[in-house]
PDB file of all heavy atoms in Angstrom:
ATOM      1  N   ASP A   1     111.679 101.323 109.401  1.00  0.00           N
ATOM      2  CA  ASP A   1     112.295 101.202 108.084  1.00  0.00           C
ATOM      3  C   ASP A   1     112.195  99.744 107.638  1.00  0.00           C
ATOM      4  O   ASP A   1     113.181  99.008 107.582  1.00  0.00           O
ATOM      5  CB  ASP A   1     113.751 101.649 108.149  1.00  0.00           C
ATOM      6  CG  ASP A   1     114.405 101.671 106.773  1.00  0.00           C
ATOM      7  OD1 ASP A   1     113.665 101.622 105.766  1.00  0.00           O
ATOM      8  OD2 ASP A   1     115.649 101.720 106.710  1.00  0.00           O
ATOM      9  N   VAL A   2     110.952  99.326 107.331  1.00  0.00           N
ATOM     10  CA  VAL A   2     110.687  97.917 107.030  1.00  0.00           C
ATOM     11  C   VAL A   2     110.063  97.738 105.645  1.00  0.00           C
ATOM     12  O   VAL A   2     109.593  96.646 105.311  1.00  0.00           O
ATOM     13  CB  VAL A   2     109.739  97.307 108.093  1.00  0.00           C
ATOM     14  CG1 VAL A   2     110.415  97.252 109.447  1.00  0.00           C
ATOM     15  CG2 VAL A   2     108.430  98.093 108.173  1.00  0.00           C
ATOM     16  N   PHE A   3     110.085  98.777 104.844  1.00  0.00           N
ATOM     17  CA  PHE A   3     109.358  98.721 103.577  1.00  0.00           C
ATOM     18  C   PHE A   3     109.919  97.678 102.622  1.00  0.00           C
ATOM     19  O   PHE A   3     109.196  97.180 101.751  1.00  0.00           O
ATOM     20  CB  PHE A   3     109.327 100.099 102.925  1.00  0.00           C
ATOM     21  CG  PHE A   3     108.654 101.131 103.795  1.00  0.00           C
ATOM     22  CD1 PHE A   3     109.382 102.156 104.377  1.00  0.00           C
ATOM     23  CD2 PHE A   3     107.297 101.049 104.052  1.00  0.00           C
ATOM     24  CE1 PHE A   3     108.763 103.092 105.184  1.00  0.00           C
ATOM     25  CE2 PHE A   3     106.667 101.979 104.857  1.00  0.00           C
ATOM     26  CZ  PHE A   3     107.405 103.004 105.430  1.00  0.00           C
ATOM     27  N   ASP A   4     111.208  97.308 102.773  1.00  0.00           N
ATOM     28  CA  ASP A   4     111.778  96.249 101.945  1.00  0.00           C
ATOM     29  C   ASP A   4     111.099  94.907 102.194  1.00  0.00           C
ATOM     30  O   ASP A   4     111.255  93.975 101.399  1.00  0.00           O
ATOM     31  CB  ASP A   4     113.271  96.099 102.214  1.00  0.00           C
ATOM     32  CG  ASP A   4     114.092  97.167 101.517  1.00  0.00           C
ATOM     33  OD1 ASP A   4     113.528  97.869 100.648  1.00  0.00           O
ATOM     34  OD2 ASP A   4     115.280  97.303 101.835  1.00  0.00           O
ATOM     35  N   HIS A   5     110.380  94.799 103.297  1.00  0.00           N
ATOM     36  CA  HIS A   5     109.777  93.521 103.687  1.00  0.00           C
ATOM     37  C   HIS A   5     108.259  93.550 103.609  1.00  0.00           C
ATOM     38  O   HIS A   5     107.590  92.684 104.177  1.00  0.00           O
ATOM     39  CB  HIS A   5     110.225  93.164 105.108  1.00  0.00           C
ATOM     40  CG  HIS A   5     111.709  93.131 105.263  1.00  0.00           C
ATOM     41  ND1 HIS A   5     112.479  92.053 104.857  1.00  0.00           N
ATOM     42  CD2 HIS A   5     112.583  94.053 105.739  1.00  0.00           C
ATOM     43  CE1 HIS A   5     113.756  92.317 105.091  1.00  0.00           C
ATOM     44  NE2 HIS A   5     113.844  93.520 105.622  1.00  0.00           N
ATOM     45  N   LEU A   6     107.731  94.520 102.893  1.00  0.00           N
ATOM     46  CA  LEU A   6     106.279  94.656 102.767  1.00  0.00           C
ATOM     47  C   LEU A   6     105.853  94.574 101.308  1.00  0.00           C
ATOM     48  O   LEU A   6     106.592  94.961 100.401  1.00  0.00           O
ATOM     49  CB  LEU A   6     105.815  95.990 103.359  1.00  0.00           C
ATOM     50  CG  LEU A   6     106.086  96.228 104.846  1.00  0.00           C
ATOM     51  CD1 LEU A   6     105.661  97.634 105.235  1.00  0.00           C
ATOM     52  CD2 LEU A   6     105.369  95.193 105.701  1.00  0.00           C
ATOM     53  N   MET A   7     104.635  94.078 101.118  1.00  0.00           N
ATOM     54  CA  MET A   7     104.004  94.030  99.797  1.00  0.00           C
ATOM     55  C   MET A   7     102.614  94.651  99.922  1.00  0.00           C
ATOM     56  O   MET A   7     102.137  94.922 101.017  1.00  0.00           O
ATOM     57  CB  MET A   7     103.908  92.579  99.319  1.00  0.00           C
ATOM     58  CG  MET A   7     105.261  91.902  99.141  1.00  0.00           C
ATOM     59  SD  MET A   7     105.170  90.086  98.981  1.00  0.00           S
ATOM     60  CE  MET A   7     105.041  89.582 100.702  1.00  0.00           C
ATOM     61  N   MET A   8     101.933  94.857  98.791  1.00  0.00           N
ATOM     62  CA  MET A   8     100.602  95.454  98.808  1.00  0.00           C
ATOM     63  C   MET A   8      99.665  94.652  97.907  1.00  0.00           C
ATOM     64  O   MET A   8     100.102  94.050  96.931  1.00  0.00           O
ATOM     65  CB  MET A   8     100.648  96.912  98.340  1.00  0.00           C
ATOM     66  CG  MET A   8     101.501  97.817  99.204  1.00  0.00           C
ATOM     67  SD  MET A   8     101.401  99.577  98.767  1.00  0.00           S
ATOM     68  CE  MET A   8     102.297  99.609  97.212  1.00  0.00           C
ATOM     69  N   THR A   9      98.370  94.674  98.247  1.00  0.00           N
ATOM     70  CA  THR A   9      97.370  93.978  97.444  1.00  0.00           C
ATOM     71  C   THR A   9      96.018  94.671  97.546  1.00  0.00           C
ATOM     72  O   THR A   9      95.728  95.323  98.551  1.00  0.00           O
ATOM     73  CB  THR A   9      97.216  92.515  97.889  1.00  0.00           C
ATOM     74  OG1 THR A   9      96.233  91.875  97.061  1.00  0.00           O
ATOM     75  CG2 THR A   9      96.745  92.419  99.342  1.00  0.00           C
ATOM     76  N   THR A  10      95.185  94.488  96.509  1.00  0.00           N
ATOM     77  CA  THR A  10      93.792  94.919  96.580  1.00  0.00           C
ATOM     78  C   THR A  10      92.882  93.752  96.956  1.00  0.00           C
ATOM     79  O   THR A  10      91.669  93.931  97.079  1.00  0.00           O
ATOM     80  CB  THR A  10      93.325  95.517  95.236  1.00  0.00           C
ATOM     81  OG1 THR A  10      93.475  94.544  94.210  1.00  0.00           O
ATOM     82  CG2 THR A  10      94.133  96.759  94.894  1.00  0.00           C
ATOM     83  N   ASP A  11      93.425  92.562  97.117  1.00  0.00           N
ATOM     84  CA  ASP A  11      92.742  91.393  97.675  1.00  0.00           C
ATOM     85  C   ASP A  11      91.371  91.140  97.042  1.00  0.00           C
ATOM     86  O   ASP A  11      90.369  90.972  97.736  1.00  0.00           O
ATOM     87  CB  ASP A  11      92.590  91.552  99.193  1.00  0.00           C
ATOM     88  CG  ASP A  11      92.179  90.250  99.878  1.00  0.00           C
ATOM     89  OD1 ASP A  11      92.248  89.204  99.213  1.00  0.00           O
ATOM     90  OD2 ASP A  11      91.792  90.291 101.052  1.00  0.00           O
ATOM     91  N   GLY A  12      91.328  91.095  95.719  1.00  0.00           N
ATOM     92  CA  GLY A  12      90.080  90.743  95.055  1.00  0.00           C
ATOM     93  C   GLY A  12      88.950  91.691  95.335  1.00  0.00           C
ATOM     94  O   GLY A  12      87.877  91.289  95.790  1.00  0.00           O
ATOM     95  N   ALA A  13      89.145  92.958  95.076  1.00  0.00           N
ATOM     96  CA  ALA A  13      88.096  93.944  95.321  1.00  0.00           C
ATOM     97  C   ALA A  13      86.975  93.785  94.306  1.00  0.00           C
ATOM     98  O   ALA A  13      87.141  93.185  93.240  1.00  0.00           O
ATOM     99  CB  ALA A  13      88.681  95.352  95.249  1.00  0.00           C
ATOM    100  N   THR A  14      85.824  94.331  94.647  1.00  0.00           N
ATOM    101  CA  THR A  14      84.700  94.312  93.717  1.00  0.00           C
ATOM    102  C   THR A  14      84.945  95.327  92.590  1.00  0.00           C
ATOM    103  O   THR A  14      85.768  96.227  92.731  1.00  0.00           O
ATOM    104  CB  THR A  14      83.393  94.606  94.459  1.00  0.00           C
ATOM    105  OG1 THR A  14      83.555  95.765  95.274  1.00  0.00           O
ATOM    106  CG2 THR A  14      83.013  93.441  95.342  1.00  0.00           C
ATOM    107  N   PRO A  15      84.261  95.191  91.451  1.00  0.00           N
ATOM    108  CA  PRO A  15      84.601  95.990  90.265  1.00  0.00           C
ATOM    109  C   PRO A  15      84.697  97.488  90.501  1.00  0.00           C
ATOM    110  O   PRO A  15      85.644  98.134  90.035  1.00  0.00           O
ATOM    111  CB  PRO A  15      83.471  95.644  89.287  1.00  0.00           C
ATOM    112  CG  PRO A  15      83.081  94.260  89.647  1.00  0.00           C
ATOM    113  CD  PRO A  15      83.207  94.192  91.149  1.00  0.00           C
ATOM    114  N   SER A  16      83.727  98.063  91.206  1.00  0.00           N
ATOM    115  CA  SER A  16      83.704  99.522  91.339  1.00  0.00           C
ATOM    116  C   SER A  16      84.900 100.064  92.103  1.00  0.00           C
ATOM    117  O   SER A  16      85.295 101.219  91.906  1.00  0.00           O
ATOM    118  CB  SER A  16      82.405  99.973  92.024  1.00  0.00           C
ATOM    119  OG  SER A  16      82.291  99.404  93.309  1.00  0.00           O
ATOM    120  N   PHE A  17      85.516  99.247  92.946  1.00  0.00           N
ATOM    121  CA  PHE A  17      86.700  99.694  93.681  1.00  0.00           C
ATOM    122  C   PHE A  17      87.852 100.008  92.729  1.00  0.00           C
ATOM    123  O   PHE A  17      88.728 100.819  93.042  1.00  0.00           O
ATOM    124  CB  PHE A  17      87.124  98.627  94.688  1.00  0.00           C
ATOM    125  CG  PHE A  17      88.254  99.050  95.607  1.00  0.00           C
ATOM    126  CD1 PHE A  17      88.005  99.879  96.690  1.00  0.00           C
ATOM    127  CD2 PHE A  17      89.545  98.616  95.387  1.00  0.00           C
ATOM    128  CE1 PHE A  17      89.037 100.266  97.531  1.00  0.00           C
ATOM    129  CE2 PHE A  17      90.582  98.995  96.226  1.00  0.00           C
ATOM    130  CZ  PHE A  17      90.319  99.825  97.309  1.00  0.00           C
ATOM    131  N   TYR A  18      87.847  99.369  91.572  1.00  0.00           N
ATOM    132  CA  TYR A  18      88.927  99.557  90.607  1.00  0.00           C
ATOM    133  C   TYR A  18      88.688 100.719  89.657  1.00  0.00           C
ATOM    134  O   TYR A  18      89.479 100.930  88.724  1.00  0.00           O
ATOM    135  CB  TYR A  18      89.129  98.270  89.807  1.00  0.00           C
ATOM    136  CG  TYR A  18      89.663  97.115  90.624  1.00  0.00           C
ATOM    137  CD1 TYR A  18      89.024  95.879  90.621  1.00  0.00           C
ATOM    138  CD2 TYR A  18      90.797  97.256  91.404  1.00  0.00           C
ATOM    139  CE1 TYR A  18      89.514  94.815  91.370  1.00  0.00           C
ATOM    140  CE2 TYR A  18      91.293  96.211  92.164  1.00  0.00           C
ATOM    141  CZ  TYR A  18      90.643  94.988  92.141  1.00  0.00           C
ATOM    142  OH  TYR A  18      91.129  93.944  92.892  1.00  0.00           O
ATOM    143  N   SER A  19      87.638 101.469  89.874  1.00  0.00           N
ATOM    144  CA  SER A  19      87.351 102.579  88.957  1.00  0.00           C
ATOM    145  C   SER A  19      88.461 103.617  88.943  1.00  0.00           C
ATOM    146  O   SER A  19      88.618 104.355  87.971  1.00  0.00           O
ATOM    147  CB  SER A  19      86.018 103.237  89.325  1.00  0.00           C
ATOM    148  OG  SER A  19      86.061 103.762  90.641  1.00  0.00           O
ATOM    149  N   ASP A  20      89.256 103.684  90.022  1.00  0.00           N
ATOM    150  CA  ASP A  20      90.372 104.636  90.060  1.00  0.00           C
ATOM    151  C   ASP A  20      91.715 103.937  90.225  1.00  0.00           C
ATOM    152  O   ASP A  20      92.662 104.526  90.726  1.00  0.00           O
ATOM    153  CB  ASP A  20      90.171 105.680  91.158  1.00  0.00           C
ATOM    154  CG  ASP A  20      90.040 105.067  92.549  1.00  0.00           C
ATOM    155  OD1 ASP A  20      89.866 103.830  92.644  1.00  0.00           O
ATOM    156  OD2 ASP A  20      90.098 105.813  93.535  1.00  0.00           O
ATOM    157  N   GLY A  21      91.800 102.680  89.776  1.00  0.00           N
ATOM    158  CA  GLY A  21      93.105 102.048  89.726  1.00  0.00           C
ATOM    159  C   GLY A  21      93.204 100.734  90.458  1.00  0.00           C
ATOM    160  O   GLY A  21      92.269 100.300  91.135  1.00  0.00           O
ATOM    161  N   MET A  22      94.377 100.096  90.311  1.00  0.00           N
ATOM    162  CA  MET A  22      94.662  98.843  90.986  1.00  0.00           C
ATOM    163  C   MET A  22      95.960  99.007  91.778  1.00  0.00           C
ATOM    164  O   MET A  22      95.994  99.701  92.769  1.00  0.00           O
ATOM    165  CB  MET A  22      94.723  97.669  90.005  1.00  0.00           C
ATOM    166  CG  MET A  22      94.884  96.310  90.685  1.00  0.00           C
ATOM    167  SD  MET A  22      94.905  94.889  89.573  1.00  0.00           S
ATOM    168  CE  MET A  22      93.153  94.536  89.471  1.00  0.00           C
ATOM    169  N   MET A  23      97.055  98.415  91.320  1.00  0.00           N
ATOM    170  CA  MET A  23      98.309  98.578  92.061  1.00  0.00           C
ATOM    171  C   MET A  23      98.837  99.998  91.945  1.00  0.00           C
ATOM    172  O   MET A  23      99.543 100.482  92.834  1.00  0.00           O
ATOM    173  CB  MET A  23      99.351  97.570  91.568  1.00  0.00           C
ATOM    174  CG  MET A  23      98.993  96.112  91.844  1.00  0.00           C
ATOM    175  SD  MET A  23      98.488  95.789  93.557  1.00  0.00           S
ATOM    176  CE  MET A  23     100.026  96.082  94.428  1.00  0.00           C
ATOM    177  N   ASP A  24      98.512 100.691  90.848  1.00  0.00           N
ATOM    178  CA  ASP A  24      98.874 102.102  90.754  1.00  0.00           C
ATOM    179  C   ASP A  24      98.219 102.900  91.881  1.00  0.00           C
ATOM    180  O   ASP A  24      98.811 103.826  92.434  1.00  0.00           O
ATOM    181  CB  ASP A  24      98.465 102.663  89.403  1.00  0.00           C
ATOM    182  CG  ASP A  24      96.982 102.440  89.108  1.00  0.00           C
ATOM    183  OD1 ASP A  24      96.537 101.279  89.153  1.00  0.00           O
ATOM    184  OD2 ASP A  24      96.270 103.425  88.842  1.00  0.00           O
ATOM    185  N   LYS A  25      96.987 102.498  92.245  1.00  0.00           N
ATOM    186  CA  LYS A  25      96.296 103.169  93.340  1.00  0.00           C
ATOM    187  C   LYS A  25      97.000 102.898  94.671  1.00  0.00           C
ATOM    188  O   LYS A  25      97.135 103.803  95.504  1.00  0.00           O
ATOM    189  CB  LYS A  25      94.836 102.714  93.402  1.00  0.00           C
ATOM    190  CG  LYS A  25      94.076 103.261  94.589  1.00  0.00           C
ATOM    191  CD  LYS A  25      92.572 103.223  94.406  1.00  0.00           C
ATOM    192  CE  LYS A  25      91.987 101.858  94.385  1.00  0.00           C
ATOM    193  NZ  LYS A  25      90.496 101.891  94.369  1.00  0.00           N
ATOM    194  N   CYS A  26      97.438 101.657  94.872  1.00  0.00           N
ATOM    195  CA  CYS A  26      98.172 101.327  96.099  1.00  0.00           C
ATOM    196  C   CYS A  26      99.462 102.128  96.206  1.00  0.00           C
ATOM    197  O   CYS A  26      99.829 102.608  97.294  1.00  0.00           O
ATOM    198  CB  CYS A  26      98.472  99.828  96.142  1.00  0.00           C
ATOM    199  SG  CYS A  26      97.027  98.770  96.352  1.00  0.00           S
ATOM    200  N   ILE A  27     100.169 102.257  95.087  1.00  0.00           N
ATOM    201  CA  ILE A  27     101.411 103.044  95.098  1.00  0.00           C
ATOM    202  C   ILE A  27     101.106 104.493  95.452  1.00  0.00           C
ATOM    203  O   ILE A  27     101.832 105.122  96.245  1.00  0.00           O
ATOM    204  CB  ILE A  27     102.118 102.948  93.736  1.00  0.00           C
ATOM    205  CG1 ILE A  27     102.579 101.513  93.477  1.00  0.00           C
ATOM    206  CG2 ILE A  27     103.318 103.912  93.675  1.00  0.00           C
ATOM    207  CD1 ILE A  27     103.024 101.251  92.057  1.00  0.00           C
ATOM    208  N   GLN A  28     100.027 105.033  94.898  1.00  0.00           N
ATOM    209  CA  GLN A  28      99.663 106.415  95.209  1.00  0.00           C
ATOM    210  C   GLN A  28      99.325 106.575  96.689  1.00  0.00           C
ATOM    211  O   GLN A  28      99.696 107.574  97.317  1.00  0.00           O
ATOM    212  CB  GLN A  28      98.477 106.855  94.358  1.00  0.00           C
ATOM    213  CG  GLN A  28      98.187 108.353  94.441  1.00  0.00           C
ATOM    214  CD  GLN A  28      99.336 109.187  93.917  1.00  0.00           C
ATOM    215  OE1 GLN A  28      99.715 109.062  92.758  1.00  0.00           O
ATOM    216  NE2 GLN A  28      99.927 110.039  94.764  1.00  0.00           N
ATOM    217  N   VAL A  29      98.642 105.588  97.265  1.00  0.00           N
ATOM    218  CA  VAL A  29      98.349 105.619  98.703  1.00  0.00           C
ATOM    219  C   VAL A  29      99.646 105.642  99.502  1.00  0.00           C
ATOM    220  O   VAL A  29      99.779 106.396 100.475  1.00  0.00           O
ATOM    221  CB  VAL A  29      97.491 104.405  99.101  1.00  0.00           C
ATOM    222  CG1 VAL A  29      97.426 104.263 100.623  1.00  0.00           C
ATOM    223  CG2 VAL A  29      96.080 104.542  98.543  1.00  0.00           C
ATOM    224  N   ALA A  30     100.608 104.837  99.083  1.00  0.00           N
ATOM    225  CA  ALA A  30     101.895 104.805  99.780  1.00  0.00           C
ATOM    226  C   ALA A  30     102.616 106.143  99.678  1.00  0.00           C
ATOM    227  O   ALA A  30     103.165 106.649 100.667  1.00  0.00           O
ATOM    228  CB  ALA A  30     102.764 103.687  99.212  1.00  0.00           C
ATOM    229  N   LEU A  31     102.621 106.737  98.491  1.00  0.00           N
ATOM    230  CA  LEU A  31     103.254 108.042  98.318  1.00  0.00           C
ATOM    231  C   LEU A  31     102.580 109.091  99.202  1.00  0.00           C
ATOM    232  O   LEU A  31     103.249 109.904  99.853  1.00  0.00           O
ATOM    233  CB  LEU A  31     103.192 108.462  96.853  1.00  0.00           C
ATOM    234  CG  LEU A  31     103.998 107.611  95.862  1.00  0.00           C
ATOM    235  CD1 LEU A  31     103.646 107.999  94.431  1.00  0.00           C
ATOM    236  CD2 LEU A  31     105.494 107.760  96.110  1.00  0.00           C
ATOM    237  N   ASP A  32     101.253 109.070  99.234  1.00  0.00           N
ATOM    238  CA  ASP A  32     100.509 110.040 100.035  1.00  0.00           C
ATOM    239  C   ASP A  32     100.745 109.851 101.535  1.00  0.00           C
ATOM    240  O   ASP A  32     100.623 110.806 102.305  1.00  0.00           O
ATOM    241  CB  ASP A  32      99.011 109.927  99.744  1.00  0.00           C
ATOM    242  CG  ASP A  32      98.654 110.348  98.319  1.00  0.00           C
ATOM    243  OD1 ASP A  32      99.494 111.010  97.674  1.00  0.00           O
ATOM    244  OD2 ASP A  32      97.549 109.997  97.862  1.00  0.00           O
ATOM    245  N   ALA A  33     101.090 108.611 101.930  1.00  0.00           N
ATOM    246  CA  ALA A  33     101.333 108.325 103.348  1.00  0.00           C
ATOM    247  C   ALA A  33     102.743 108.706 103.784  1.00  0.00           C
ATOM    248  O   ALA A  33     103.074 108.602 104.960  1.00  0.00           O
ATOM    249  CB  ALA A  33     101.085 106.842 103.627  1.00  0.00           C
ATOM    250  N   GLY A  34     103.571 109.133 102.833  1.00  0.00           N
ATOM    251  CA  GLY A  34     104.933 109.530 103.186  1.00  0.00           C
ATOM    252  C   GLY A  34     105.979 108.454 102.989  1.00  0.00           C
ATOM    253  O   GLY A  34     107.122 108.603 103.434  1.00  0.00           O
ATOM    254  N   VAL A  35     105.606 107.356 102.310  1.00  0.00           N
ATOM    255  CA  VAL A  35     106.587 106.315 102.003  1.00  0.00           C
ATOM    256  C   VAL A  35     107.525 106.834 100.918  1.00  0.00           C
ATOM    257  O   VAL A  35     107.077 107.424  99.930  1.00  0.00           O
ATOM    258  CB  VAL A  35     105.874 105.031 101.522  1.00  0.00           C
ATOM    259  CG1 VAL A  35     106.880 103.974 101.092  1.00  0.00           C
ATOM    260  CG2 VAL A  35     104.961 104.493 102.626  1.00  0.00           C
ATOM    261  N   PRO A  36     108.840 106.650 101.058  1.00  0.00           N
ATOM    262  CA  PRO A  36     109.762 107.076 100.004  1.00  0.00           C
ATOM    263  C   PRO A  36     109.370 106.465  98.658  1.00  0.00           C
ATOM    264  O   PRO A  36     108.985 105.288  98.598  1.00  0.00           O
ATOM    265  CB  PRO A  36     111.122 106.551 100.497  1.00  0.00           C
ATOM    266  CG  PRO A  36     110.978 106.474 101.981  1.00  0.00           C
ATOM    267  CD  PRO A  36     109.554 106.081 102.223  1.00  0.00           C
ATOM    268  N   PRO A  37     109.440 107.248  97.576  1.00  0.00           N
ATOM    269  CA  PRO A  37     108.946 106.767  96.280  1.00  0.00           C
ATOM    270  C   PRO A  37     109.497 105.417  95.842  1.00  0.00           C
ATOM    271  O   PRO A  37     108.732 104.557  95.384  1.00  0.00           O
ATOM    272  CB  PRO A  37     109.348 107.882  95.321  1.00  0.00           C
ATOM    273  CG  PRO A  37     109.315 109.109  96.163  1.00  0.00           C
ATOM    274  CD  PRO A  37     109.836 108.677  97.508  1.00  0.00           C
ATOM    275  N   ILE A  38     110.793 105.217  95.959  1.00  0.00           N
ATOM    276  CA  ILE A  38     111.349 103.938  95.505  1.00  0.00           C
ATOM    277  C   ILE A  38     110.757 102.791  96.310  1.00  0.00           C
ATOM    278  O   ILE A  38     110.391 101.744  95.761  1.00  0.00           O
ATOM    279  CB  ILE A  38     112.888 103.958  95.572  1.00  0.00           C
ATOM    280  CG1 ILE A  38     113.439 104.876  94.480  1.00  0.00           C
ATOM    281  CG2 ILE A  38     113.464 102.555  95.438  1.00  0.00           C
ATOM    282  CD1 ILE A  38     114.950 105.023  94.477  1.00  0.00           C
ATOM    283  N   ASP A  39     110.620 102.960  97.613  1.00  0.00           N
ATOM    284  CA  ASP A  39     109.994 101.911  98.432  1.00  0.00           C
ATOM    285  C   ASP A  39     108.557 101.662  97.998  1.00  0.00           C
ATOM    286  O   ASP A  39     108.088 100.520  97.991  1.00  0.00           O
ATOM    287  CB  ASP A  39     110.034 102.304  99.910  1.00  0.00           C
ATOM    288  CG  ASP A  39     111.407 102.159 100.525  1.00  0.00           C
ATOM    289  OD1 ASP A  39     112.093 101.163 100.214  1.00  0.00           O
ATOM    290  OD2 ASP A  39     111.807 103.030 101.319  1.00  0.00           O
ATOM    291  N   ALA A  40     107.838 102.718  97.662  1.00  0.00           N
ATOM    292  CA  ALA A  40     106.445 102.567  97.243  1.00  0.00           C
ATOM    293  C   ALA A  40     106.352 101.693  95.991  1.00  0.00           C
ATOM    294  O   ALA A  40     105.489 100.803  95.902  1.00  0.00           O
ATOM    295  CB  ALA A  40     105.822 103.936  96.979  1.00  0.00           C
ATOM    296  N   TYR A  41     107.243 101.937  95.029  1.00  0.00           N
ATOM    297  CA  TYR A  41     107.224 101.132  93.807  1.00  0.00           C
ATOM    298  C   TYR A  41     107.707  99.708  94.059  1.00  0.00           C
ATOM    299  O   TYR A  41     107.172  98.749  93.476  1.00  0.00           O
ATOM    300  CB  TYR A  41     108.071 101.808  92.720  1.00  0.00           C
ATOM    301  CG  TYR A  41     107.373 102.997  92.123  1.00  0.00           C
ATOM    302  CD1 TYR A  41     107.632 104.287  92.578  1.00  0.00           C
ATOM    303  CD2 TYR A  41     106.427 102.843  91.108  1.00  0.00           C
ATOM    304  CE1 TYR A  41     106.979 105.393  92.055  1.00  0.00           C
ATOM    305  CE2 TYR A  41     105.769 103.937  90.563  1.00  0.00           C
ATOM    306  CZ  TYR A  41     106.048 105.208  91.051  1.00  0.00           C
ATOM    307  OH  TYR A  41     105.383 106.294  90.527  1.00  0.00           O
ATOM    308  N   GLN A  42     108.685  99.550  94.931  1.00  0.00           N
ATOM    309  CA  GLN A  42     109.209  98.210  95.219  1.00  0.00           C
ATOM    310  C   GLN A  42     108.143  97.326  95.879  1.00  0.00           C
ATOM    311  O   GLN A  42     108.101  96.120  95.637  1.00  0.00           O
ATOM    312  CB  GLN A  42     110.429  98.308  96.134  1.00  0.00           C
ATOM    313  CG  GLN A  42     111.566  99.153  95.608  1.00  0.00           C
ATOM    314  CD  GLN A  42     112.637  98.363  94.883  1.00  0.00           C
ATOM    315  OE1 GLN A  42     112.567  98.169  93.684  1.00  0.00           O
ATOM    316  NE2 GLN A  42     113.641  97.960  95.611  1.00  0.00           N
ATOM    317  N   MET A  43     107.278  97.927  96.724  1.00  0.00           N
ATOM    318  CA  MET A  43     106.240  97.151  97.397  1.00  0.00           C
ATOM    319  C   MET A  43     105.219  96.604  96.410  1.00  0.00           C
ATOM    320  O   MET A  43     104.465  95.681  96.733  1.00  0.00           O
ATOM    321  CB  MET A  43     105.534  97.997  98.456  1.00  0.00           C
ATOM    322  CG  MET A  43     106.342  98.201  99.726  1.00  0.00           C
ATOM    323  SD  MET A  43     105.317  98.865 101.074  1.00  0.00           S
ATOM    324  CE  MET A  43     104.992 100.515 100.479  1.00  0.00           C
TER     325      MET A  43
END
């Protein structure tokens, strides 16, 4: 239970990586991994 202490980044991806999103994509990855929704948005 450490999500309050985590952040997320795309770390300067190349253009095509962003074809399906940026931080919205990271949040979706977190949701799909089972992270509680509020924690996913807070990260």
